[in-house]
Amino acid sequence: VPEHRVDGELTIQCIEGRLRVQAHGRTVSLAPGELLFLEGGVPHSMAADEDSSALLTLVRVPAA
């Protein structure tokens, strides 16, 4: 997934395989069961080192 940003907070949980997430100028490797939290508006990208699946949870706050 190329670099992008979203307004809401999000978590990325690796379900199987291996993922690499780039954010805040560093790379975090996720193994099965590991979870990463990102605040809204943070530019990030993601790549899989092998066949993988992930659960993405995005918190969207309605505009006032």
C-alpha atoms as a PDB file:
ATOM      1  CA  VAL A   1       0.000   0.000   0.000  1.00  0.00           C
ATOM      2  CA  PRO A   2       1.681   3.269  -1.031  1.00  0.00           C
ATOM      3  CA  GLU A   3       2.092   6.137   1.426  1.00  0.00           C
ATOM      4  CA  HIS A   4      -1.167   7.836   2.356  1.00  0.00           C
ATOM      5  CA  ARG A   5      -2.940   9.310   5.386  1.00  0.00           C
ATOM      6  CA  VAL A   6      -6.423   9.078   6.857  1.00  0.00           C
ATOM      7  CA  ASP A   7      -8.238  11.439   9.225  1.00  0.00           C
ATOM      8  CA  GLY A   8      -9.127   8.893  11.916  1.00  0.00           C
ATOM      9  CA  GLU A   9      -7.018   6.861  14.302  1.00  0.00           C
ATOM     10  CA  LEU A  10      -6.308   3.323  13.137  1.00  0.00           C
ATOM     11  CA  THR A  11      -4.910  -0.013  14.168  1.00  0.00           C
ATOM     12  CA  ILE A  12      -3.289  -2.596  11.918  1.00  0.00           C
ATOM     13  CA  GLN A  13      -3.186  -6.150  13.228  1.00  0.00           C
ATOM     14  CA  CYS A  14      -1.202  -8.820  11.410  1.00  0.00           C
ATOM     15  CA  ILE A  15      -3.335 -11.965  11.225  1.00  0.00           C
ATOM     16  CA  GLU A  16      -0.881 -14.145   9.279  1.00  0.00           C
ATOM     17  CA  GLY A  17       2.375 -13.657   7.410  1.00  0.00           C
ATOM     18  CA  ARG A  18       4.711 -10.686   7.969  1.00  0.00           C
ATOM     19  CA  LEU A  19       4.005  -6.995   7.385  1.00  0.00           C
ATOM     20  CA  ARG A  20       6.198  -3.896   7.317  1.00  0.00           C
ATOM     21  CA  VAL A  21       4.614  -0.552   8.169  1.00  0.00           C
ATOM     22  CA  GLN A  22       6.482   2.694   7.596  1.00  0.00           C
ATOM     23  CA  ALA A  23       5.421   5.711   9.678  1.00  0.00           C
ATOM     24  CA  HIS A  24       7.130   8.471  11.686  1.00  0.00           C
ATOM     25  CA  GLY A  25      10.349   7.921   9.704  1.00  0.00           C
ATOM     26  CA  ARG A  26      10.813   4.313  10.822  1.00  0.00           C
ATOM     27  CA  THR A  27       9.771   0.808   9.812  1.00  0.00           C
ATOM     28  CA  VAL A  28       7.890  -1.532  12.143  1.00  0.00           C
ATOM     29  CA  SER A  29       7.686  -5.268  11.392  1.00  0.00           C
ATOM     30  CA  LEU A  30       4.483  -7.022  12.434  1.00  0.00           C
ATOM     31  CA  ALA A  31       4.232 -10.775  13.029  1.00  0.00           C
ATOM     32  CA  PRO A  32       0.957 -12.675  13.508  1.00  0.00           C
ATOM     33  CA  GLY A  33      -0.973 -11.322  16.482  1.00  0.00           C
ATOM     34  CA  GLU A  34       0.964  -8.050  16.681  1.00  0.00           C
ATOM     35  CA  LEU A  35      -0.877  -4.742  16.521  1.00  0.00           C
ATOM     36  CA  LEU A  36       0.164  -1.199  15.588  1.00  0.00           C
ATOM     37  CA  PHE A  37      -1.715   2.008  16.505  1.00  0.00           C
ATOM     38  CA  LEU A  38      -1.421   5.198  14.424  1.00  0.00           C
ATOM     39  CA  GLU A  39      -2.945   8.581  15.174  1.00  0.00           C
ATOM     40  CA  GLY A  40      -5.073  10.216  12.498  1.00  0.00           C
ATOM     41  CA  GLY A  41      -3.254  12.186   9.818  1.00  0.00           C
ATOM     42  CA  VAL A  42       0.019  10.260  10.098  1.00  0.00           C
ATOM     43  CA  PRO A  43       1.485   9.406   6.661  1.00  0.00           C
ATOM     44  CA  HIS A  44       2.132   5.660   6.446  1.00  0.00           C
ATOM     45  CA  SER A  45       2.670   2.819   3.986  1.00  0.00           C
ATOM     46  CA  MET A  46       2.533  -0.946   4.290  1.00  0.00           C
ATOM     47  CA  ALA A  47       4.155  -3.896   2.523  1.00  0.00           C
ATOM     48  CA  ALA A  48       3.951  -7.664   2.977  1.00  0.00           C
ATOM     49  CA  ASP A  49       7.155  -9.698   3.223  1.00  0.00           C
ATOM     50  CA  GLU A  50       5.148 -12.853   2.362  1.00  0.00           C
ATOM     51  CA  ASP A  51       1.523 -13.796   1.751  1.00  0.00           C
ATOM     52  CA  SER A  52      -0.259 -12.057   4.612  1.00  0.00           C
ATOM     53  CA  SER A  53      -3.597 -10.949   5.940  1.00  0.00           C
ATOM     54  CA  ALA A  54      -4.311  -8.046   8.256  1.00  0.00           C
ATOM     55  CA  LEU A  55      -7.206  -6.473  10.110  1.00  0.00           C
ATOM     56  CA  LEU A  56      -7.461  -2.704   9.748  1.00  0.00           C
ATOM     57  CA  THR A  57      -9.701  -0.813  12.183  1.00  0.00           C
ATOM     58  CA  LEU A  58     -10.340   2.855  11.409  1.00  0.00           C
ATOM     59  CA  VAL A  59     -12.054   5.249  13.828  1.00  0.00           C
ATOM     60  CA  ARG A  60     -13.981   7.871  11.902  1.00  0.00           C
ATOM     61  CA  VAL A  61     -15.328  10.871  13.770  1.00  0.00           C
ATOM     62  CA  PRO A  62     -18.264  12.631  12.082  1.00  0.00           C
ATOM     63  CA  ALA A  63     -17.712  16.262  11.120  1.00  0.00           C
ATOM     64  CA  ALA A  64     -19.317  18.725  13.522  1.00  0.00           C
END
